[in-house]
């Protein structure tokens, strides 16, 4: 996690002293303690990189699944046509 000045200020405002911060880390864990400070002060968190990765990977996965479903539907139609031609 990258600390910018706004995040550092949020931790100082929430906990005041280092001993209060460390007591909360001991009690709740580091991630929960930092999250509480970020939420309480509405600190800016940059989420553009994870969102971009999810958008790119998600589009690729959805396209692959859609292509597979269309191929399966085509195979089913051809199979049904061959079966009807053979038995009629």
PDB file of N, CA and C in Angstrom:
ATOM      1  N   UNK A   1       0.854  -1.177   0.000  1.00  0.00           N
ATOM      2  CA  UNK A   1       0.000   0.000   0.000  1.00  0.00           C
ATOM      3  C   UNK A   1       0.890   1.226   0.000  1.00  0.00           C
ATOM      4  N   UNK A   2       0.602   2.132  -0.862  1.00  0.00           N
ATOM      5  CA  UNK A   2       1.398   3.336  -0.977  1.00  0.00           C
ATOM      6  C   UNK A   2       0.780   4.431  -0.110  1.00  0.00           C
ATOM      7  N   UNK A   3       1.618   5.066   0.693  1.00  0.00           N
ATOM      8  CA  UNK A   3       1.136   6.127   1.573  1.00  0.00           C
ATOM      9  C   UNK A   3       1.390   7.483   0.935  1.00  0.00           C
ATOM     10  N   UNK A   4       0.341   8.229   0.723  1.00  0.00           N
ATOM     11  CA  UNK A   4       0.538   9.605   0.296  1.00  0.00           C
ATOM     12  C   UNK A   4       0.272  10.497   1.513  1.00  0.00           C
ATOM     13  N   UNK A   5       0.468  11.776   1.360  1.00  0.00           N
ATOM     14  CA  UNK A   5       0.356  12.701   2.492  1.00  0.00           C
ATOM     15  C   UNK A   5      -1.053  12.685   3.089  1.00  0.00           C
ATOM     16  N   UNK A   6      -2.070  12.525   2.238  1.00  0.00           N
ATOM     17  CA  UNK A   6      -3.450  12.513   2.729  1.00  0.00           C
ATOM     18  C   UNK A   6      -3.705  11.291   3.610  1.00  0.00           C
ATOM     19  N   UNK A   7      -3.153  10.133   3.234  1.00  0.00           N
ATOM     20  CA  UNK A   7      -3.320   8.935   4.056  1.00  0.00           C
ATOM     21  C   UNK A   7      -2.609   9.071   5.396  1.00  0.00           C
ATOM     22  N   UNK A   8      -1.413   9.624   5.374  1.00  0.00           N
ATOM     23  CA  UNK A   8      -0.662   9.826   6.616  1.00  0.00           C
ATOM     24  C   UNK A   8      -1.421  10.777   7.540  1.00  0.00           C
ATOM     25  N   UNK A   9      -1.971  11.838   6.974  1.00  0.00           N
ATOM     26  CA  UNK A   9      -2.743  12.793   7.773  1.00  0.00           C
ATOM     27  C   UNK A   9      -4.000  12.130   8.353  1.00  0.00           C
ATOM     28  N   UNK A  10      -4.639  11.257   7.583  1.00  0.00           N
ATOM     29  CA  UNK A  10      -5.838  10.570   8.062  1.00  0.00           C
ATOM     30  C   UNK A  10      -5.525   9.684   9.255  1.00  0.00           C
ATOM     31  N   UNK A  11      -4.387   8.990   9.214  1.00  0.00           N
ATOM     32  CA  UNK A  11      -3.984   8.139  10.337  1.00  0.00           C
ATOM     33  C   UNK A  11      -3.691   8.998  11.564  1.00  0.00           C
ATOM     34  N   UNK A  12      -3.017  10.136  11.369  1.00  0.00           N
ATOM     35  CA  UNK A  12      -2.721  11.024  12.504  1.00  0.00           C
ATOM     36  C   UNK A  12      -3.992  11.573  13.128  1.00  0.00           C
ATOM     37  N   UNK A  13      -4.968  11.947  12.292  1.00  0.00           N
ATOM     38  CA  UNK A  13      -6.223  12.488  12.822  1.00  0.00           C
ATOM     39  C   UNK A  13      -7.035  11.427  13.556  1.00  0.00           C
ATOM     40  N   UNK A  14      -7.039  10.205  13.044  1.00  0.00           N
ATOM     41  CA  UNK A  14      -7.843   9.138  13.647  1.00  0.00           C
ATOM     42  C   UNK A  14      -7.253   8.665  14.966  1.00  0.00           C
ATOM     43  N   UNK A  15      -5.929   8.446  15.020  1.00  0.00           N
ATOM     44  CA  UNK A  15      -5.319   7.808  16.188  1.00  0.00           C
ATOM     45  C   UNK A  15      -4.502   8.745  17.061  1.00  0.00           C
ATOM     46  N   UNK A  16      -4.089   9.884  16.559  1.00  0.00           N
ATOM     47  CA  UNK A  16      -3.356  10.850  17.378  1.00  0.00           C
ATOM     48  C   UNK A  16      -1.918  10.462  17.624  1.00  0.00           C
ATOM     49  N   UNK A  17      -1.686   9.477  18.466  1.00  0.00           N
ATOM     50  CA  UNK A  17      -0.319   9.103  18.828  1.00  0.00           C
ATOM     51  C   UNK A  17       0.044   7.749  18.237  1.00  0.00           C
ATOM     52  N   UNK A  18       1.343   7.497  18.199  1.00  0.00           N
ATOM     53  CA  UNK A  18       1.820   6.222  17.673  1.00  0.00           C
ATOM     54  C   UNK A  18       1.396   5.060  18.564  1.00  0.00           C
ATOM     55  N   UNK A  19       1.333   5.287  19.874  1.00  0.00           N
ATOM     56  CA  UNK A  19       0.945   4.196  20.777  1.00  0.00           C
ATOM     57  C   UNK A  19      -0.518   3.800  20.556  1.00  0.00           C
ATOM     58  N   UNK A  20      -1.396   4.776  20.294  1.00  0.00           N
ATOM     59  CA  UNK A  20      -2.790   4.441  19.979  1.00  0.00           C
ATOM     60  C   UNK A  20      -2.880   3.652  18.680  1.00  0.00           C
ATOM     61  N   UNK A  21      -2.109   4.065  17.698  1.00  0.00           N
ATOM     62  CA  UNK A  21      -2.092   3.366  16.415  1.00  0.00           C
ATOM     63  C   UNK A  21      -1.610   1.926  16.591  1.00  0.00           C
ATOM     64  N   UNK A  22      -0.498   1.744  17.300  1.00  0.00           N
ATOM     65  CA  UNK A  22       0.048   0.406  17.500  1.00  0.00           C
ATOM     66  C   UNK A  22      -0.875  -0.475  18.335  1.00  0.00           C
ATOM     67  N   UNK A  23      -1.581   0.109  19.285  1.00  0.00           N
ATOM     68  CA  UNK A  23      -2.550  -0.667  20.071  1.00  0.00           C
ATOM     69  C   UNK A  23      -3.672  -1.183  19.176  1.00  0.00           C
ATOM     70  N   UNK A  24      -4.136  -0.352  18.259  1.00  0.00           N
ATOM     71  CA  UNK A  24      -5.174  -0.782  17.329  1.00  0.00           C
ATOM     72  C   UNK A  24      -4.646  -1.828  16.342  1.00  0.00           C
ATOM     73  N   UNK A  25      -3.393  -1.680  15.930  1.00  0.00           N
ATOM     74  CA  UNK A  25      -2.801  -2.675  15.032  1.00  0.00           C
ATOM     75  C   UNK A  25      -2.732  -4.020  15.733  1.00  0.00           C
ATOM     76  N   UNK A  26      -2.319  -4.003  16.994  1.00  0.00           N
ATOM     77  CA  UNK A  26      -2.241  -5.236  17.768  1.00  0.00           C
ATOM     78  C   UNK A  26      -3.612  -5.875  17.942  1.00  0.00           C
ATOM     79  N   UNK A  27      -4.620  -5.045  18.168  1.00  0.00           N
ATOM     80  CA  UNK A  27      -5.959  -5.549  18.446  1.00  0.00           C
ATOM     81  C   UNK A  27      -6.688  -5.995  17.179  1.00  0.00           C
ATOM     82  N   UNK A  28      -6.626  -5.201  16.113  1.00  0.00           N
ATOM     83  CA  UNK A  28      -7.433  -5.462  14.922  1.00  0.00           C
ATOM     84  C   UNK A  28      -6.631  -5.899  13.691  1.00  0.00           C
ATOM     85  N   UNK A  29      -5.334  -5.642  13.677  1.00  0.00           N
ATOM     86  CA  UNK A  29      -4.524  -5.942  12.504  1.00  0.00           C
ATOM     87  C   UNK A  29      -4.233  -4.666  11.732  1.00  0.00           C
ATOM     88  N   UNK A  30      -3.181  -4.704  10.946  1.00  0.00           N
ATOM     89  CA  UNK A  30      -2.735  -3.512  10.224  1.00  0.00           C
ATOM     90  C   UNK A  30      -3.738  -3.072   9.169  1.00  0.00           C
ATOM     91  N   UNK A  31      -4.247  -4.016   8.390  1.00  0.00           N
ATOM     92  CA  UNK A  31      -5.161  -3.652   7.301  1.00  0.00           C
ATOM     93  C   UNK A  31      -6.445  -3.019   7.842  1.00  0.00           C
ATOM     94  N   UNK A  32      -6.999  -3.589   8.888  1.00  0.00           N
ATOM     95  CA  UNK A  32      -8.228  -3.044   9.460  1.00  0.00           C
ATOM     96  C   UNK A  32      -7.996  -1.668  10.072  1.00  0.00           C
ATOM     97  N   UNK A  33      -6.860  -1.481  10.704  1.00  0.00           N
ATOM     98  CA  UNK A  33      -6.552  -0.195  11.323  1.00  0.00           C
ATOM     99  C   UNK A  33      -6.380   0.896  10.277  1.00  0.00           C
ATOM    100  N   UNK A  34      -5.650   0.599   9.197  1.00  0.00           N
ATOM    101  CA  UNK A  34      -5.473   1.588   8.133  1.00  0.00           C
ATOM    102  C   UNK A  34      -6.778   1.842   7.392  1.00  0.00           C
ATOM    103  N   UNK A  35      -7.586   0.804   7.206  1.00  0.00           N
ATOM    104  CA  UNK A  35      -8.881   0.977   6.539  1.00  0.00           C
ATOM    105  C   UNK A  35      -9.798   1.874   7.346  1.00  0.00           C
ATOM    106  N   UNK A  36      -9.804   1.696   8.656  1.00  0.00           N
ATOM    107  CA  UNK A  36     -10.644   2.541   9.510  1.00  0.00           C
ATOM    108  C   UNK A  36     -10.245   3.998   9.400  1.00  0.00           C
ATOM    109  N   UNK A  37      -8.948   4.259   9.329  1.00  0.00           N
ATOM    110  CA  UNK A  37      -8.489   5.640   9.184  1.00  0.00           C
ATOM    111  C   UNK A  37      -8.887   6.200   7.825  1.00  0.00           C
ATOM    112  N   UNK A  38      -8.774   5.398   6.779  1.00  0.00           N
ATOM    113  CA  UNK A  38      -9.109   5.860   5.433  1.00  0.00           C
ATOM    114  C   UNK A  38     -10.606   6.132   5.310  1.00  0.00           C
ATOM    115  N   UNK A  39     -11.418   5.268   5.889  1.00  0.00           N
ATOM    116  CA  UNK A  39     -12.869   5.438   5.800  1.00  0.00           C
ATOM    117  C   UNK A  39     -13.331   6.637   6.611  1.00  0.00           C
ATOM    118  N   UNK A  40     -12.747   6.806   7.780  1.00  0.00           N
ATOM    119  CA  UNK A  40     -13.206   7.889   8.647  1.00  0.00           C
ATOM    120  C   UNK A  40     -12.864   9.264   8.086  1.00  0.00           C
ATOM    121  N   UNK A  41     -11.826   9.355   7.268  1.00  0.00           N
ATOM    122  CA  UNK A  41     -11.433  10.665   6.747  1.00  0.00           C
ATOM    123  C   UNK A  41     -11.726  10.811   5.256  1.00  0.00           C
ATOM    124  N   UNK A  42     -12.303   9.804   4.657  1.00  0.00           N
ATOM    125  CA  UNK A  42     -12.571   9.811   3.218  1.00  0.00           C
ATOM    126  C   UNK A  42     -11.297  10.061   2.417  1.00  0.00           C
ATOM    127  N   UNK A  43     -10.218   9.399   2.807  1.00  0.00           N
ATOM    128  CA  UNK A  43      -8.940   9.556   2.111  1.00  0.00           C
ATOM    129  C   UNK A  43      -9.061   9.003   0.701  1.00  0.00           C
ATOM    130  N   UNK A  44      -8.392   9.651  -0.218  1.00  0.00           N
ATOM    131  CA  UNK A  44      -8.451   9.230  -1.622  1.00  0.00           C
ATOM    132  C   UNK A  44      -7.655   7.952  -1.812  1.00  0.00           C
ATOM    133  N   UNK A  45      -8.260   6.974  -2.449  1.00  0.00           N
ATOM    134  CA  UNK A  45      -7.600   5.719  -2.763  1.00  0.00           C
ATOM    135  C   UNK A  45      -7.668   5.546  -4.273  1.00  0.00           C
ATOM    136  N   UNK A  46      -6.526   5.366  -4.896  1.00  0.00           N
ATOM    137  CA  UNK A  46      -6.470   5.233  -6.357  1.00  0.00           C
ATOM    138  C   UNK A  46      -6.813   3.800  -6.752  1.00  0.00           C
ATOM    139  N   UNK A  47      -7.950   3.615  -7.416  1.00  0.00           N
ATOM    140  CA  UNK A  47      -8.392   2.292  -7.843  1.00  0.00           C
ATOM    141  C   UNK A  47      -8.436   2.171  -9.363  1.00  0.00           C
ATOM    142  N   UNK A  48      -7.825   3.097 -10.075  1.00  0.00           N
ATOM    143  CA  UNK A  48      -7.908   3.083 -11.533  1.00  0.00           C
ATOM    144  C   UNK A  48      -7.186   1.881 -12.149  1.00  0.00           C
ATOM    145  N   UNK A  49      -6.037   1.483 -11.609  1.00  0.00           N
ATOM    146  CA  UNK A  49      -5.297   0.346 -12.172  1.00  0.00           C
ATOM    147  C   UNK A  49      -6.060  -0.974 -12.010  1.00  0.00           C
ATOM    148  N   UNK A  50      -6.582  -1.306 -10.807  1.00  0.00           N
ATOM    149  CA  UNK A  50      -7.348  -2.558 -10.694  1.00  0.00           C
ATOM    150  C   UNK A  50      -8.605  -2.564 -11.553  1.00  0.00           C
ATOM    151  N   UNK A  51      -9.278  -1.420 -11.669  1.00  0.00           N
ATOM    152  CA  UNK A  51     -10.492  -1.352 -12.486  1.00  0.00           C
ATOM    153  C   UNK A  51     -10.146  -1.572 -13.953  1.00  0.00           C
ATOM    154  N   UNK A  52      -9.049  -0.990 -14.414  1.00  0.00           N
ATOM    155  CA  UNK A  52      -8.626  -1.175 -15.808  1.00  0.00           C
ATOM    156  C   UNK A  52      -8.286  -2.639 -16.081  1.00  0.00           C
ATOM    157  N   UNK A  53      -7.610  -3.290 -15.129  1.00  0.00           N
ATOM    158  CA  UNK A  53      -7.259  -4.703 -15.309  1.00  0.00           C
ATOM    159  C   UNK A  53      -8.509  -5.575 -15.345  1.00  0.00           C
ATOM    160  N   UNK A  54      -9.458  -5.309 -14.464  1.00  0.00           N
ATOM    161  CA  UNK A  54     -10.700  -6.087 -14.455  1.00  0.00           C
ATOM    162  C   UNK A  54     -11.498  -5.870 -15.729  1.00  0.00           C
ATOM    163  N   UNK A  55     -11.538  -4.663 -16.218  1.00  0.00           N
ATOM    164  CA  UNK A  55     -12.275  -4.363 -17.442  1.00  0.00           C
ATOM    165  C   UNK A  55     -11.666  -5.099 -18.624  1.00  0.00           C
ATOM    166  N   UNK A  56     -10.353  -5.050 -18.749  1.00  0.00           N
ATOM    167  CA  UNK A  56      -9.679  -5.717 -19.866  1.00  0.00           C
ATOM    168  C   UNK A  56      -9.834  -7.231 -19.775  1.00  0.00           C
ATOM    169  N   UNK A  57      -9.529  -7.813 -18.620  1.00  0.00           N
ATOM    170  CA  UNK A  57      -9.611  -9.258 -18.460  1.00  0.00           C
ATOM    171  C   UNK A  57     -11.058  -9.741 -18.528  1.00  0.00           C
ATOM    172  N   UNK A  58     -11.977  -8.977 -17.986  1.00  0.00           N
ATOM    173  CA  UNK A  58     -13.389  -9.355 -18.006  1.00  0.00           C
ATOM    174  C   UNK A  58     -13.946  -9.379 -19.414  1.00  0.00           C
ATOM    175  N   UNK A  59     -13.577  -8.402 -20.221  1.00  0.00           N
ATOM    176  CA  UNK A  59     -14.046  -8.361 -21.611  1.00  0.00           C
ATOM    177  C   UNK A  59     -13.513  -9.556 -22.389  1.00  0.00           C
ATOM    178  N   UNK A  60     -12.271  -9.905 -22.185  1.00  0.00           N
ATOM    179  CA  UNK A  60     -11.680 -11.059 -22.857  1.00  0.00           C
ATOM    180  C   UNK A  60     -12.395 -12.345 -22.461  1.00  0.00           C
ATOM    181  N   UNK A  61     -12.664 -12.516 -21.171  1.00  0.00           N
ATOM    182  CA  UNK A  61     -13.329 -13.733 -20.699  1.00  0.00           C
ATOM    183  C   UNK A  61     -14.759 -13.829 -21.221  1.00  0.00           C
ATOM    184  N   UNK A  62     -15.485 -12.735 -21.197  1.00  0.00           N
ATOM    185  CA  UNK A  62     -16.869 -12.749 -21.674  1.00  0.00           C
ATOM    186  C   UNK A  62     -16.912 -13.032 -23.175  1.00  0.00           C
ATOM    187  N   UNK A  63     -15.977 -12.471 -23.924  1.00  0.00           N
ATOM    188  CA  UNK A  63     -15.909 -12.730 -25.364  1.00  0.00           C
ATOM    189  C   UNK A  63     -15.628 -14.204 -25.638  1.00  0.00           C
ATOM    190  N   UNK A  64     -14.733 -14.815 -24.892  1.00  0.00           N
ATOM    191  CA  UNK A  64     -14.406 -16.231 -25.082  1.00  0.00           C
ATOM    192  C   UNK A  64     -15.605 -17.122 -24.775  1.00  0.00           C
ATOM    193  N   UNK A  65     -16.314 -16.830 -23.699  1.00  0.00           N
ATOM    194  CA  UNK A  65     -17.493 -17.628 -23.340  1.00  0.00           C
ATOM    195  C   UNK A  65     -18.584 -17.460 -24.389  1.00  0.00           C
ATOM    196  N   UNK A  66     -18.817 -16.250 -24.853  1.00  0.00           N
ATOM    197  CA  UNK A  66     -19.828 -16.007 -25.881  1.00  0.00           C
ATOM    198  C   UNK A  66     -19.509 -16.730 -27.173  1.00  0.00           C
ATOM    199  N   UNK A  67     -18.245 -16.716 -27.565  1.00  0.00           N
ATOM    200  CA  UNK A  67     -17.833 -17.422 -28.780  1.00  0.00           C
ATOM    201  C   UNK A  67     -18.043 -18.927 -28.638  1.00  0.00           C
ATOM    202  N   UNK A  68     -17.717 -19.463 -27.483  1.00  0.00           N
ATOM    203  CA  UNK A  68     -17.912 -20.900 -27.250  1.00  0.00           C
ATOM    204  C   UNK A  68     -19.399 -21.266 -27.296  1.00  0.00           C
ATOM    205  N   UNK A  69     -20.253 -20.432 -26.716  1.00  0.00           N
ATOM    206  CA  UNK A  69     -21.691 -20.718 -26.745  1.00  0.00           C
ATOM    207  C   UNK A  69     -22.249 -20.653 -28.162  1.00  0.00           C
ATOM    208  N   UNK A  70     -21.818 -19.688 -28.943  1.00  0.00           N
ATOM    209  CA  UNK A  70     -22.271 -19.608 -30.336  1.00  0.00           C
ATOM    210  C   UNK A  70     -21.788 -20.808 -31.146  1.00  0.00           C
ATOM    211  N   UNK A  71     -20.571 -21.256 -30.911  1.00  0.00           N
ATOM    212  CA  UNK A  71     -20.055 -22.435 -31.608  1.00  0.00           C
ATOM    213  C   UNK A  71     -20.854 -23.671 -31.238  1.00  0.00           C
ATOM    214  N   UNK A  72     -21.186 -23.815 -29.967  1.00  0.00           N
ATOM    215  CA  UNK A  72     -22.005 -24.951 -29.523  1.00  0.00           C
ATOM    216  C   UNK A  72     -23.385 -24.915 -30.157  1.00  0.00           C
ATOM    217  N   UNK A  73     -23.988 -23.752 -30.223  1.00  0.00           N
ATOM    218  CA  UNK A  73     -25.304 -23.624 -30.850  1.00  0.00           C
ATOM    219  C   UNK A  73     -25.227 -23.994 -32.321  1.00  0.00           C
ATOM    220  N   UNK A  74     -24.186 -23.577 -33.022  1.00  0.00           N
ATOM    221  CA  UNK A  74     -24.006 -23.931 -34.427  1.00  0.00           C
ATOM    222  C   UNK A  74     -23.842 -25.425 -34.624  1.00  0.00           C
ATOM    223  N   UNK A  75     -23.064 -26.057 -33.755  1.00  0.00           N
ATOM    224  CA  UNK A  75     -22.870 -27.508 -33.833  1.00  0.00           C
ATOM    225  C   UNK A  75     -24.196 -28.232 -33.603  1.00  0.00           C
ATOM    226  N   UNK A  76     -24.988 -27.760 -32.649  1.00  0.00           N
ATOM    227  CA  UNK A  76     -26.285 -28.385 -32.373  1.00  0.00           C
ATOM    228  C   UNK A  76     -27.226 -28.266 -33.562  1.00  0.00           C
ATOM    229  N   UNK A  77     -27.234 -27.136 -34.224  1.00  0.00           N
ATOM    230  CA  UNK A  77     -28.099 -26.940 -35.395  1.00  0.00           C
ATOM    231  C   UNK A  77     -27.665 -27.849 -36.533  1.00  0.00           C
ATOM    232  N   UNK A  78     -26.356 -27.929 -36.779  1.00  0.00           N
ATOM    233  CA  UNK A  78     -25.855 -28.804 -37.841  1.00  0.00           C
ATOM    234  C   UNK A  78     -26.165 -30.262 -37.512  1.00  0.00           C
ATOM    235  N   UNK A  79     -25.969 -30.675 -36.266  1.00  0.00           N
ATOM    236  CA  UNK A  79     -26.270 -32.050 -35.862  1.00  0.00           C
ATOM    237  C   UNK A  79     -27.744 -32.373 -36.064  1.00  0.00           C
ATOM    238  N   UNK A  80     -28.611 -31.440 -35.688  1.00  0.00           N
ATOM    239  CA  UNK A  80     -30.046 -31.647 -35.848  1.00  0.00           C
ATOM    240  C   UNK A  80     -30.416 -31.744 -37.332  1.00  0.00           C
ATOM    241  N   UNK A  81     -29.791 -30.919 -38.172  1.00  0.00           N
ATOM    242  CA  UNK A  81     -30.064 -30.945 -39.603  1.00  0.00           C
ATOM    243  C   UNK A  81     -29.617 -32.266 -40.226  1.00  0.00           C
ATOM    244  N   UNK A  82     -28.424 -32.750 -39.846  1.00  0.00           N
ATOM    245  CA  UNK A  82     -27.913 -34.027 -40.365  1.00  0.00           C
ATOM    246  C   UNK A  82     -28.798 -35.184 -39.901  1.00  0.00           C
ATOM    247  N   UNK A  83     -29.210 -35.158 -38.664  1.00  0.00           N
ATOM    248  CA  UNK A  83     -30.071 -36.201 -38.118  1.00  0.00           C
ATOM    249  C   UNK A  83     -31.410 -36.217 -38.860  1.00  0.00           C
ATOM    250  N   UNK A  84     -31.996 -35.046 -39.100  1.00  0.00           N
ATOM    251  CA  UNK A  84     -33.274 -34.967 -39.802  1.00  0.00           C
ATOM    252  C   UNK A  84     -33.124 -35.442 -41.238  1.00  0.00           C
ATOM    253  N   UNK A  85     -32.023 -35.128 -41.890  1.00  0.00           N
ATOM    254  CA  UNK A  85     -31.799 -35.554 -43.261  1.00  0.00           C
ATOM    255  C   UNK A  85     -31.567 -37.065 -43.354  1.00  0.00           C
ATOM    256  N   UNK A  86     -30.917 -37.611 -42.348  1.00  0.00           N
ATOM    257  CA  UNK A  86     -30.596 -39.036 -42.356  1.00  0.00           C
ATOM    258  C   UNK A  86     -31.824 -39.894 -42.082  1.00  0.00           C
ATOM    259  N   UNK A  87     -32.676 -39.493 -41.145  1.00  0.00           N
ATOM    260  CA  UNK A  87     -33.820 -40.309 -40.739  1.00  0.00           C
ATOM    261  C   UNK A  87     -35.129 -39.953 -41.452  1.00  0.00           C
ATOM    262  N   UNK A  88     -35.158 -39.012 -42.345  1.00  0.00           N
ATOM    263  CA  UNK A  88     -36.433 -38.714 -42.994  1.00  0.00           C
ATOM    264  C   UNK A  88     -36.527 -39.223 -44.399  1.00  0.00           C
TER     265      UNK A  88
END
